[in-house]
Amino acid sequence: MQAQFARQQTGEWVEGTGIIVRLFTADDDGHAENRHQRFVLNLQNGQTLLVAHNIEVAALVPAGIGDRIRFRGIYEWNDEGGSLHWTHRDPFRNEVAGYLDFRGKKYE
């Protein structure tokens, strides 16, 4: 993701690992069918990444600050480090699944 951040790229599939440094309450963007678990990861290169994990499609990850998360999802650039979404299976089965892996269990 360091390369995508440097080039300000967006919409690319990425994989990596990070440590949770901040938790947010679940949001719903005003729509109950669009609830997301949100947290910030600190990556090994010092970059931060906001994760928006759709908990209407995938299960809530029971992780907290200091926990390590492995991920696969779509990266969206922003000047604060970027955000990650599509960390779940495709409900329409058109895309390869993203995921969050916590303690060896995949949440997709």
PDB file of N, CA and C in Angstrom:
ATOM      1  N   MET A   1       0.788  -1.187   0.000  1.00  0.00           N
ATOM      2  CA  MET A   1       0.000   0.000   0.000  1.00  0.00           C
ATOM      3  C   MET A   1       0.838   1.262   0.000  1.00  0.00           C
ATOM      4  N   GLN A   2       2.056   1.159   0.393  1.00  0.00           N
ATOM      5  CA  GLN A   2       2.931   2.331   0.398  1.00  0.00           C
ATOM      6  C   GLN A   2       3.026   2.913  -1.007  1.00  0.00           C
ATOM      7  N   ALA A   3       3.117   2.039  -2.003  1.00  0.00           N
ATOM      8  CA  ALA A   3       3.198   2.504  -3.392  1.00  0.00           C
ATOM      9  C   ALA A   3       1.895   3.176  -3.822  1.00  0.00           C
ATOM     10  N   GLN A   4       0.747   2.574  -3.465  1.00  0.00           N
ATOM     11  CA  GLN A   4      -0.541   3.161  -3.819  1.00  0.00           C
ATOM     12  C   GLN A   4      -0.710   4.523  -3.142  1.00  0.00           C
ATOM     13  N   PHE A   5      -0.264   4.621  -1.890  1.00  0.00           N
ATOM     14  CA  PHE A   5      -0.365   5.896  -1.182  1.00  0.00           C
ATOM     15  C   PHE A   5       0.496   6.956  -1.871  1.00  0.00           C
ATOM     16  N   ALA A   6       1.743   6.601  -2.195  1.00  0.00           N
ATOM     17  CA  ALA A   6       2.667   7.551  -2.822  1.00  0.00           C
ATOM     18  C   ALA A   6       2.137   8.036  -4.173  1.00  0.00           C
ATOM     19  N   ARG A   7       1.479   7.148  -4.925  1.00  0.00           N
ATOM     20  CA  ARG A   7       0.944   7.507  -6.248  1.00  0.00           C
ATOM     21  C   ARG A   7      -0.499   8.004  -6.188  1.00  0.00           C
ATOM     22  N   GLN A   8      -1.054   8.088  -4.976  1.00  0.00           N
ATOM     23  CA  GLN A   8      -2.440   8.516  -4.764  1.00  0.00           C
ATOM     24  C   GLN A   8      -3.412   7.661  -5.571  1.00  0.00           C
ATOM     25  N   GLN A   9      -3.153   6.359  -5.611  1.00  0.00           N
ATOM     26  CA  GLN A   9      -4.018   5.441  -6.352  1.00  0.00           C
ATOM     27  C   GLN A   9      -5.199   5.023  -5.499  1.00  0.00           C
ATOM     28  N   THR A  10      -6.260   4.652  -6.151  1.00  0.00           N
ATOM     29  CA  THR A  10      -7.466   4.256  -5.460  1.00  0.00           C
ATOM     30  C   THR A  10      -8.151   3.136  -6.234  1.00  0.00           C
ATOM     31  N   GLY A  11      -8.932   2.336  -5.529  1.00  0.00           N
ATOM     32  CA  GLY A  11      -9.691   1.275  -6.187  1.00  0.00           C
ATOM     33  C   GLY A  11      -8.910   0.011  -6.446  1.00  0.00           C
ATOM     34  N   GLU A  12      -7.771  -0.167  -5.803  1.00  0.00           N
ATOM     35  CA  GLU A  12      -6.946  -1.364  -6.021  1.00  0.00           C
ATOM     36  C   GLU A  12      -7.077  -2.338  -4.856  1.00  0.00           C
ATOM     37  N   TRP A  13      -7.048  -3.633  -5.168  1.00  0.00           N
ATOM     38  CA  TRP A  13      -7.021  -4.664  -4.134  1.00  0.00           C
ATOM     39  C   TRP A  13      -5.657  -4.652  -3.467  1.00  0.00           C
ATOM     40  N   VAL A  14      -5.652  -4.703  -2.142  1.00  0.00           N
ATOM     41  CA  VAL A  14      -4.411  -4.745  -1.372  1.00  0.00           C
ATOM     42  C   VAL A  14      -4.547  -5.769  -0.248  1.00  0.00           C
ATOM     43  N   GLU A  15      -3.405  -6.242   0.220  1.00  0.00           N
ATOM     44  CA  GLU A  15      -3.343  -7.149   1.369  1.00  0.00           C
ATOM     45  C   GLU A  15      -2.245  -6.670   2.291  1.00  0.00           C
ATOM     46  N   GLY A  16      -2.398  -6.941   3.570  1.00  0.00           N
ATOM     47  CA  GLY A  16      -1.372  -6.552   4.524  1.00  0.00           C
ATOM     48  C   GLY A  16      -1.758  -6.915   5.943  1.00  0.00           C
ATOM     49  N   THR A  17      -0.997  -6.368   6.864  1.00  0.00           N
ATOM     50  CA  THR A  17      -1.200  -6.603   8.289  1.00  0.00           C
ATOM     51  C   THR A  17      -0.996  -5.289   9.028  1.00  0.00           C
ATOM     52  N   GLY A  18      -1.771  -5.077  10.066  1.00  0.00           N
ATOM     53  CA  GLY A  18      -1.611  -3.884  10.879  1.00  0.00           C
ATOM     54  C   GLY A  18      -2.092  -4.117  12.298  1.00  0.00           C
ATOM     55  N   ILE A  19      -1.797  -3.145  13.147  1.00  0.00           N
ATOM     56  CA  ILE A  19      -2.197  -3.172  14.548  1.00  0.00           C
ATOM     57  C   ILE A  19      -3.287  -2.121  14.761  1.00  0.00           C
ATOM     58  N   ILE A  20      -4.369  -2.500  15.431  1.00  0.00           N
ATOM     59  CA  ILE A  20      -5.450  -1.555  15.704  1.00  0.00           C
ATOM     60  C   ILE A  20      -4.970  -0.511  16.709  1.00  0.00           C
ATOM     61  N   VAL A  21      -5.097   0.771  16.313  1.00  0.00           N
ATOM     62  CA  VAL A  21      -4.687   1.867  17.198  1.00  0.00           C
ATOM     63  C   VAL A  21      -5.858   2.774  17.583  1.00  0.00           C
ATOM     64  N   ARG A  22      -7.000   2.599  16.914  1.00  0.00           N
ATOM     65  CA  ARG A  22      -8.163   3.403  17.255  1.00  0.00           C
ATOM     66  C   ARG A  22      -9.427   2.673  16.824  1.00  0.00           C
ATOM     67  N   LEU A  23     -10.448   2.716  17.682  1.00  0.00           N
ATOM     68  CA  LEU A  23     -11.745   2.104  17.390  1.00  0.00           C
ATOM     69  C   LEU A  23     -12.806   3.196  17.290  1.00  0.00           C
ATOM     70  N   PHE A  24     -13.771   2.988  16.411  1.00  0.00           N
ATOM     71  CA  PHE A  24     -14.911   3.893  16.271  1.00  0.00           C
ATOM     72  C   PHE A  24     -16.184   3.089  16.494  1.00  0.00           C
ATOM     73  N   THR A  25     -17.263   3.775  16.809  1.00  0.00           N
ATOM     74  CA  THR A  25     -18.542   3.079  16.886  1.00  0.00           C
ATOM     75  C   THR A  25     -18.961   2.709  15.468  1.00  0.00           C
ATOM     76  N   ALA A  26     -19.780   1.673  15.358  1.00  0.00           N
ATOM     77  CA  ALA A  26     -20.277   1.257  14.040  1.00  0.00           C
ATOM     78  C   ALA A  26     -21.110   2.388  13.456  1.00  0.00           C
ATOM     79  N   ASP A  27     -20.962   2.613  12.176  1.00  0.00           N
ATOM     80  CA  ASP A  27     -21.757   3.635  11.500  1.00  0.00           C
ATOM     81  C   ASP A  27     -22.751   2.964  10.584  1.00  0.00           C
ATOM     82  N   ASP A  28     -23.759   3.716  10.167  1.00  0.00           N
ATOM     83  CA  ASP A  28     -24.736   3.143   9.242  1.00  0.00           C
ATOM     84  C   ASP A  28     -25.061   4.082   8.085  1.00  0.00           C
ATOM     85  N   ASP A  29     -24.325   5.182   7.958  1.00  0.00           N
ATOM     86  CA  ASP A  29     -24.538   6.133   6.856  1.00  0.00           C
ATOM     87  C   ASP A  29     -26.014   6.484   6.675  1.00  0.00           C
ATOM     88  N   GLY A  30     -26.801   6.361   7.738  1.00  0.00           N
ATOM     89  CA  GLY A  30     -28.220   6.653   7.638  1.00  0.00           C
ATOM     90  C   GLY A  30     -29.054   5.513   7.092  1.00  0.00           C
ATOM     91  N   HIS A  31     -28.403   4.392   6.786  1.00  0.00           N
ATOM     92  CA  HIS A  31     -29.104   3.233   6.232  1.00  0.00           C
ATOM     93  C   HIS A  31     -28.770   2.003   7.077  1.00  0.00           C
ATOM     94  N   ALA A  32     -29.766   1.375   7.653  1.00  0.00           N
ATOM     95  CA  ALA A  32     -29.545   0.224   8.530  1.00  0.00           C
ATOM     96  C   ALA A  32     -28.863  -0.933   7.802  1.00  0.00           C
ATOM     97  N   GLU A  33     -29.052  -1.034   6.488  1.00  0.00           N
ATOM     98  CA  GLU A  33     -28.451  -2.143   5.730  1.00  0.00           C
ATOM     99  C   GLU A  33     -26.987  -1.889   5.374  1.00  0.00           C
ATOM    100  N   ASN A  34     -26.431  -0.776   5.821  1.00  0.00           N
ATOM    101  CA  ASN A  34     -25.072  -0.400   5.432  1.00  0.00           C
ATOM    102  C   ASN A  34     -24.190  -0.144   6.660  1.00  0.00           C
ATOM    103  N   ARG A  35     -24.293  -0.996   7.686  1.00  0.00           N
ATOM    104  CA  ARG A  35     -23.522  -0.804   8.914  1.00  0.00           C
ATOM    105  C   ARG A  35     -22.086  -1.271   8.725  1.00  0.00           C
ATOM    106  N   HIS A  36     -21.153  -0.483   9.257  1.00  0.00           N
ATOM    107  CA  HIS A  36     -19.730  -0.793   9.146  1.00  0.00           C
ATOM    108  C   HIS A  36     -19.039  -0.728  10.499  1.00  0.00           C
ATOM    109  N   GLN A  37     -18.202  -1.716  10.764  1.00  0.00           N
ATOM    110  CA  GLN A  37     -17.282  -1.679  11.893  1.00  0.00           C
ATOM    111  C   GLN A  37     -16.077  -0.886  11.412  1.00  0.00           C
ATOM    112  N   ARG A  38     -15.663   0.114  12.177  1.00  0.00           N
ATOM    113  CA  ARG A  38     -14.578   0.977  11.717  1.00  0.00           C
ATOM    114  C   ARG A  38     -13.466   1.044  12.754  1.00  0.00           C
ATOM    115  N   PHE A  39     -12.241   0.973  12.265  1.00  0.00           N
ATOM    116  CA  PHE A  39     -11.075   1.124  13.132  1.00  0.00           C
ATOM    117  C   PHE A  39      -9.878   1.544  12.295  1.00  0.00           C
ATOM    118  N   VAL A  40      -8.848   2.054  12.968  1.00  0.00           N
ATOM    119  CA  VAL A  40      -7.625   2.486  12.301  1.00  0.00           C
ATOM    120  C   VAL A  40      -6.522   1.497  12.607  1.00  0.00           C
ATOM    121  N   LEU A  41      -5.824   1.090  11.547  1.00  0.00           N
ATOM    122  CA  LEU A  41      -4.654   0.226  11.680  1.00  0.00           C
ATOM    123  C   LEU A  41      -3.385   1.038  11.486  1.00  0.00           C
ATOM    124  N   ASN A  42      -2.363   0.710  12.243  1.00  0.00           N
ATOM    125  CA  ASN A  42      -1.022   1.240  12.007  1.00  0.00           C
ATOM    126  C   ASN A  42      -0.261   0.140  11.274  1.00  0.00           C
ATOM    127  N   LEU A  43       0.236   0.454  10.087  1.00  0.00           N
ATOM    128  CA  LEU A  43       0.959  -0.525   9.272  1.00  0.00           C
ATOM    129  C   LEU A  43       2.448  -0.482   9.603  1.00  0.00           C
ATOM    130  N   GLN A  44       3.175  -1.506   9.193  1.00  0.00           N
ATOM    131  CA  GLN A  44       4.608  -1.595   9.505  1.00  0.00           C
ATOM    132  C   GLN A  44       5.405  -0.414   8.983  1.00  0.00           C
ATOM    133  N   ASN A  45       4.965   0.195   7.879  1.00  0.00           N
ATOM    134  CA  ASN A  45       5.705   1.317   7.296  1.00  0.00           C
ATOM    135  C   ASN A  45       5.347   2.652   7.958  1.00  0.00           C
ATOM    136  N   GLY A  46       4.513   2.621   9.001  1.00  0.00           N
ATOM    137  CA  GLY A  46       4.122   3.837   9.700  1.00  0.00           C
ATOM    138  C   GLY A  46       2.851   4.475   9.170  1.00  0.00           C
ATOM    139  N   GLN A  47       2.385   4.020   8.038  1.00  0.00           N
ATOM    140  CA  GLN A  47       1.146   4.525   7.448  1.00  0.00           C
ATOM    141  C   GLN A  47      -0.040   4.067   8.294  1.00  0.00           C
ATOM    142  N   THR A  48      -1.091   4.874   8.336  1.00  0.00           N
ATOM    143  CA  THR A  48      -2.333   4.462   8.979  1.00  0.00           C
ATOM    144  C   THR A  48      -3.372   4.158   7.912  1.00  0.00           C
ATOM    145  N   LEU A  49      -4.335   3.337   8.287  1.00  0.00           N
ATOM    146  CA  LEU A  49      -5.349   2.893   7.344  1.00  0.00           C
ATOM    147  C   LEU A  49      -6.675   2.765   8.076  1.00  0.00           C
ATOM    148  N   LEU A  50      -7.694   3.480   7.609  1.00  0.00           N
ATOM    149  CA  LEU A  50      -9.038   3.356   8.167  1.00  0.00           C
ATOM    150  C   LEU A  50      -9.723   2.161   7.517  1.00  0.00           C
ATOM    151  N   VAL A  51     -10.172   1.224   8.323  1.00  0.00           N
ATOM    152  CA  VAL A  51     -10.874   0.046   7.825  1.00  0.00           C
ATOM    153  C   VAL A  51     -12.367   0.250   8.044  1.00  0.00           C
ATOM    154  N   ALA A  52     -13.159   0.028   6.990  1.00  0.00           N
ATOM    155  CA  ALA A  52     -14.622   0.076   7.064  1.00  0.00           C
ATOM    156  C   ALA A  52     -15.130  -1.300   6.644  1.00  0.00           C
ATOM    157  N   HIS A  53     -15.451  -2.122   7.637  1.00  0.00           N
ATOM    158  CA  HIS A  53     -15.823  -3.530   7.443  1.00  0.00           C
ATOM    159  C   HIS A  53     -17.340  -3.666   7.515  1.00  0.00           C
ATOM    160  N   ASN A  54     -17.967  -4.054   6.407  1.00  0.00           N
ATOM    161  CA  ASN A  54     -19.430  -4.127   6.313  1.00  0.00           C
ATOM    162  C   ASN A  54     -19.957  -5.276   7.172  1.00  0.00           C
ATOM    163  N   ILE A  55     -20.624  -4.931   8.274  1.00  0.00           N
ATOM    164  CA  ILE A  55     -21.116  -5.967   9.190  1.00  0.00           C
ATOM    165  C   ILE A  55     -22.552  -6.384   8.881  1.00  0.00           C
ATOM    166  N   GLU A  56     -23.068  -5.950   7.756  1.00  0.00           N
ATOM    167  CA  GLU A  56     -24.318  -6.506   7.258  1.00  0.00           C
ATOM    168  C   GLU A  56     -24.020  -7.710   6.361  1.00  0.00           C
ATOM    169  N   VAL A  57     -22.802  -7.777   5.835  1.00  0.00           N
ATOM    170  CA  VAL A  57     -22.387  -8.873   4.962  1.00  0.00           C
ATOM    171  C   VAL A  57     -21.494  -9.857   5.710  1.00  0.00           C
ATOM    172  N   ALA A  58     -20.616  -9.353   6.550  1.00  0.00           N
ATOM    173  CA  ALA A  58     -19.658 -10.185   7.287  1.00  0.00           C
ATOM    174  C   ALA A  58     -19.864  -9.990   8.787  1.00  0.00           C
ATOM    175  N   ALA A  59     -19.358 -10.934   9.553  1.00  0.00           N
ATOM    176  CA  ALA A  59     -19.485 -10.862  11.013  1.00  0.00           C
ATOM    177  C   ALA A  59     -18.574  -9.779  11.594  1.00  0.00           C
ATOM    178  N   LEU A  60     -18.994  -9.230  12.714  1.00  0.00           N
ATOM    179  CA  LEU A  60     -18.195  -8.284  13.481  1.00  0.00           C
ATOM    180  C   LEU A  60     -16.920  -8.976  13.962  1.00  0.00           C
ATOM    181  N   VAL A  61     -15.790  -8.297  13.845  1.00  0.00           N
ATOM    182  CA  VAL A  61     -14.512  -8.854  14.297  1.00  0.00           C
ATOM    183  C   VAL A  61     -14.333  -8.470  15.774  1.00  0.00           C
ATOM    184  N   PRO A  62     -14.153  -9.453  16.679  1.00  0.00           N
ATOM    185  CA  PRO A  62     -14.058  -9.151  18.113  1.00  0.00           C
ATOM    186  C   PRO A  62     -12.652  -8.723  18.525  1.00  0.00           C
ATOM    187  N   ALA A  63     -12.160  -7.678  17.911  1.00  0.00           N
ATOM    188  CA  ALA A  63     -10.783  -7.218  18.142  1.00  0.00           C
ATOM    189  C   ALA A  63     -10.803  -5.872  18.852  1.00  0.00           C
ATOM    190  N   GLY A  64      -9.674  -5.546  19.489  1.00  0.00           N
ATOM    191  CA  GLY A  64      -9.557  -4.290  20.200  1.00  0.00           C
ATOM    192  C   GLY A  64      -8.221  -3.625  19.940  1.00  0.00           C
ATOM    193  N   ILE A  65      -8.008  -2.514  20.601  1.00  0.00           N
ATOM    194  CA  ILE A  65      -6.750  -1.782  20.439  1.00  0.00           C
ATOM    195  C   ILE A  65      -5.580  -2.684  20.800  1.00  0.00           C
ATOM    196  N   GLY A  66      -4.554  -2.652  19.942  1.00  0.00           N
ATOM    197  CA  GLY A  66      -3.362  -3.464  20.133  1.00  0.00           C
ATOM    198  C   GLY A  66      -3.406  -4.810  19.433  1.00  0.00           C
ATOM    199  N   ASP A  67      -4.570  -5.193  18.918  1.00  0.00           N
ATOM    200  CA  ASP A  67      -4.692  -6.474  18.216  1.00  0.00           C
ATOM    201  C   ASP A  67      -4.186  -6.370  16.785  1.00  0.00           C
ATOM    202  N   ARG A  68      -3.618  -7.474  16.308  1.00  0.00           N
ATOM    203  CA  ARG A  68      -3.094  -7.562  14.936  1.00  0.00           C
ATOM    204  C   ARG A  68      -4.183  -8.103  14.015  1.00  0.00           C
ATOM    205  N   ILE A  69      -4.352  -7.447  12.872  1.00  0.00           N
ATOM    206  CA  ILE A  69      -5.342  -7.832  11.864  1.00  0.00           C
ATOM    207  C   ILE A  69      -4.632  -8.010  10.526  1.00  0.00           C
ATOM    208  N   ARG A  70      -4.897  -9.122   9.873  1.00  0.00           N
ATOM    209  CA  ARG A  70      -4.450  -9.315   8.491  1.00  0.00           C
ATOM    210  C   ARG A  70      -5.666  -9.007   7.619  1.00  0.00           C
ATOM    211  N   PHE A  71      -5.432  -8.390   6.451  1.00  0.00           N
ATOM    212  CA  PHE A  71      -6.570  -7.920   5.663  1.00  0.00           C
ATOM    213  C   PHE A  71      -6.353  -8.100   4.170  1.00  0.00           C
ATOM    214  N   ARG A  72      -7.483  -8.108   3.466  1.00  0.00           N
ATOM    215  CA  ARG A  72      -7.539  -8.015   2.011  1.00  0.00           C
ATOM    216  C   ARG A  72      -8.776  -7.198   1.690  1.00  0.00           C
ATOM    217  N   GLY A  73      -8.605  -6.153   0.883  1.00  0.00           N
ATOM    218  CA  GLY A  73      -9.735  -5.314   0.526  1.00  0.00           C
ATOM    219  C   GLY A  73      -9.347  -4.311  -0.539  1.00  0.00           C
ATOM    220  N   ILE A  74     -10.236  -3.391  -0.802  1.00  0.00           N
ATOM    221  CA  ILE A  74      -9.999  -2.365  -1.815  1.00  0.00           C
ATOM    222  C   ILE A  74      -9.530  -1.093  -1.123  1.00  0.00           C
ATOM    223  N   TYR A  75      -8.392  -0.582  -1.582  1.00  0.00           N
ATOM    224  CA  TYR A  75      -7.765   0.607  -1.018  1.00  0.00           C
ATOM    225  C   TYR A  75      -8.290   1.850  -1.703  1.00  0.00           C
ATOM    226  N   GLU A  76      -8.600   2.863  -0.884  1.00  0.00           N
ATOM    227  CA  GLU A  76      -9.005   4.182  -1.381  1.00  0.00           C
ATOM    228  C   GLU A  76      -8.039   5.204  -0.799  1.00  0.00           C
ATOM    229  N   TRP A  77      -7.359   5.948  -1.650  1.00  0.00           N
ATOM    230  CA  TRP A  77      -6.362   6.916  -1.200  1.00  0.00           C
ATOM    231  C   TRP A  77      -7.025   8.107  -0.517  1.00  0.00           C
ATOM    232  N   ASN A  78      -6.379   8.606   0.527  1.00  0.00           N
ATOM    233  CA  ASN A  78      -6.648   9.942   1.064  1.00  0.00           C
ATOM    234  C   ASN A  78      -5.365  10.423   1.724  1.00  0.00           C
ATOM    235  N   ASP A  79      -5.271  11.703   2.026  1.00  0.00           N
ATOM    236  CA  ASP A  79      -4.007  12.253   2.520  1.00  0.00           C
ATOM    237  C   ASP A  79      -3.670  11.849   3.955  1.00  0.00           C
ATOM    238  N   GLU A  80      -4.563  11.119   4.608  1.00  0.00           N
ATOM    239  CA  GLU A  80      -4.293  10.648   5.965  1.00  0.00           C
ATOM    240  C   GLU A  80      -3.800   9.206   5.988  1.00  0.00           C
ATOM    241  N   GLY A  81      -3.643   8.579   4.856  1.00  0.00           N
ATOM    242  CA  GLY A  81      -3.153   7.207   4.797  1.00  0.00           C
ATOM    243  C   GLY A  81      -4.014   6.311   3.939  1.00  0.00           C
ATOM    244  N   GLY A  82      -5.301   6.614   3.865  1.00  0.00           N
ATOM    245  CA  GLY A  82      -6.188   5.833   3.022  1.00  0.00           C
ATOM    246  C   GLY A  82      -7.219   5.076   3.826  1.00  0.00           C
ATOM    247  N   SER A  83      -8.137   4.473   3.095  1.00  0.00           N
ATOM    248  CA  SER A  83      -9.160   3.647   3.730  1.00  0.00           C
ATOM    249  C   SER A  83      -9.263   2.331   2.981  1.00  0.00           C
ATOM    250  N   LEU A  84      -9.832   1.358   3.668  1.00  0.00           N
ATOM    251  CA  LEU A  84      -9.973   0.013   3.131  1.00  0.00           C
ATOM    252  C   LEU A  84     -11.425  -0.406   3.266  1.00  0.00           C
ATOM    253  N   HIS A  85     -11.996  -0.899   2.192  1.00  0.00           N
ATOM    254  CA  HIS A  85     -13.361  -1.431   2.237  1.00  0.00           C
ATOM    255  C   HIS A  85     -13.402  -2.707   1.414  1.00  0.00           C
ATOM    256  N   TRP A  86     -14.578  -3.278   1.293  1.00  0.00           N
ATOM    257  CA  TRP A  86     -14.786  -4.549   0.594  1.00  0.00           C
ATOM    258  C   TRP A  86     -13.956  -5.653   1.266  1.00  0.00           C
ATOM    259  N   THR A  87     -14.013  -5.668   2.597  1.00  0.00           N
ATOM    260  CA  THR A  87     -13.289  -6.668   3.390  1.00  0.00           C
ATOM    261  C   THR A  87     -14.212  -7.836   3.726  1.00  0.00           C
ATOM    262  N   HIS A  88     -14.997  -8.251   2.753  1.00  0.00           N
ATOM    263  CA  HIS A  88     -16.008  -9.294   2.950  1.00  0.00           C
ATOM    264  C   HIS A  88     -16.238 -10.018   1.636  1.00  0.00           C
ATOM    265  N   ARG A  89     -17.024 -11.056   1.697  1.00  0.00           N
ATOM    266  CA  ARG A  89     -17.401 -11.789   0.478  1.00  0.00           C
ATOM    267  C   ARG A  89     -18.300 -10.896  -0.369  1.00  0.00           C
ATOM    268  N   ASP A  90     -18.356 -11.187  -1.648  1.00  0.00           N
ATOM    269  CA  ASP A  90     -19.240 -10.457  -2.547  1.00  0.00           C
ATOM    270  C   ASP A  90     -20.627 -11.086  -2.457  1.00  0.00           C
ATOM    271  N   PRO A  91     -21.620 -10.364  -1.969  1.00  0.00           N
ATOM    272  CA  PRO A  91     -22.953 -10.951  -1.853  1.00  0.00           C
ATOM    273  C   PRO A  91     -23.556 -11.340  -3.202  1.00  0.00           C
ATOM    274  N   PHE A  92     -23.031 -10.778  -4.298  1.00  0.00           N
ATOM    275  CA  PHE A  92     -23.520 -11.104  -5.639  1.00  0.00           C
ATOM    276  C   PHE A  92     -22.646 -12.132  -6.341  1.00  0.00           C
ATOM    277  N   ARG A  93     -21.549 -12.516  -5.685  1.00  0.00           N
ATOM    278  CA  ARG A  93     -20.601 -13.530  -6.178  1.00  0.00           C
ATOM    279  C   ARG A  93     -19.963 -13.155  -7.512  1.00  0.00           C
ATOM    280  N   ASN A  94     -19.707 -11.848  -7.710  1.00  0.00           N
ATOM    281  CA  ASN A  94     -19.040 -11.387  -8.924  1.00  0.00           C
ATOM    282  C   ASN A  94     -17.564 -11.100  -8.695  1.00  0.00           C
ATOM    283  N   GLU A  95     -17.180 -10.819  -7.457  1.00  0.00           N
ATOM    284  CA  GLU A  95     -15.804 -10.442  -7.115  1.00  0.00           C
ATOM    285  C   GLU A  95     -15.191 -11.485  -6.195  1.00  0.00           C
ATOM    286  N   VAL A  96     -13.865 -11.528  -6.180  1.00  0.00           N
ATOM    287  CA  VAL A  96     -13.151 -12.343  -5.213  1.00  0.00           C
ATOM    288  C   VAL A  96     -13.354 -11.701  -3.846  1.00  0.00           C
ATOM    289  N   ALA A  97     -13.432 -12.505  -2.822  1.00  0.00           N
ATOM    290  CA  ALA A  97     -13.722 -11.983  -1.484  1.00  0.00           C
ATOM    291  C   ALA A  97     -12.541 -11.239  -0.876  1.00  0.00           C
ATOM    292  N   GLY A  98     -12.865 -10.194  -0.140  1.00  0.00           N
ATOM    293  CA  GLY A  98     -11.914  -9.584   0.764  1.00  0.00           C
ATOM    294  C   GLY A  98     -12.123 -10.226   2.121  1.00  0.00           C
ATOM    295  N   TYR A  99     -11.319  -9.867   3.103  1.00  0.00           N
ATOM    296  CA  TYR A  99     -11.482 -10.451   4.433  1.00  0.00           C
ATOM    297  C   TYR A  99     -10.693  -9.661   5.467  1.00  0.00           C
ATOM    298  N   LEU A 100     -11.025  -9.918   6.725  1.00  0.00           N
ATOM    299  CA  LEU A 100     -10.198  -9.542   7.865  1.00  0.00           C
ATOM    300  C   LEU A 100      -9.892 -10.839   8.581  1.00  0.00           C
ATOM    301  N   ASP A 101      -8.644 -11.049   8.932  1.00  0.00           N
ATOM    302  CA  ASP A 101      -8.220 -12.260   9.631  1.00  0.00           C
ATOM    303  C   ASP A 101      -7.749 -11.853  11.016  1.00  0.00           C
ATOM    304  N   PHE A 102      -8.415 -12.390  12.026  1.00  0.00           N
ATOM    305  CA  PHE A 102      -8.075 -12.090  13.416  1.00  0.00           C
ATOM    306  C   PHE A 102      -7.899 -13.401  14.161  1.00  0.00           C
ATOM    307  N   ARG A 103      -6.678 -13.607  14.654  1.00  0.00           N
ATOM    308  CA  ARG A 103      -6.339 -14.830  15.406  1.00  0.00           C
ATOM    309  C   ARG A 103      -6.662 -16.105  14.623  1.00  0.00           C
ATOM    310  N   GLY A 104      -6.381 -16.060  13.327  1.00  0.00           N
ATOM    311  CA  GLY A 104      -6.544 -17.246  12.487  1.00  0.00           C
ATOM    312  C   GLY A 104      -7.948 -17.489  11.963  1.00  0.00           C
ATOM    313  N   LYS A 105      -8.898 -16.629  12.293  1.00  0.00           N
ATOM    314  CA  LYS A 105     -10.255 -16.775  11.778  1.00  0.00           C
ATOM    315  C   LYS A 105     -10.525 -15.654  10.784  1.00  0.00           C
ATOM    316  N   LYS A 106     -11.009 -16.046   9.603  1.00  0.00           N
ATOM    317  CA  LYS A 106     -11.354 -15.057   8.573  1.00  0.00           C
ATOM    318  C   LYS A 106     -12.782 -14.598   8.723  1.00  0.00           C
ATOM    319  N   TYR A 107     -12.938 -13.276   8.707  1.00  0.00           N
ATOM    320  CA  TYR A 107     -14.262 -12.647   8.737  1.00  0.00           C
ATOM    321  C   TYR A 107     -14.491 -12.088   7.347  1.00  0.00           C
ATOM    322  N   GLU A 108     -15.347 -12.797   6.592  1.00  0.00           N
ATOM    323  CA  GLU A 108     -15.584 -12.400   5.209  1.00  0.00           C
ATOM    324  C   GLU A 108     -17.064 -12.486   4.888  1.00  0.00           C
TER     325      GLU A 108
END
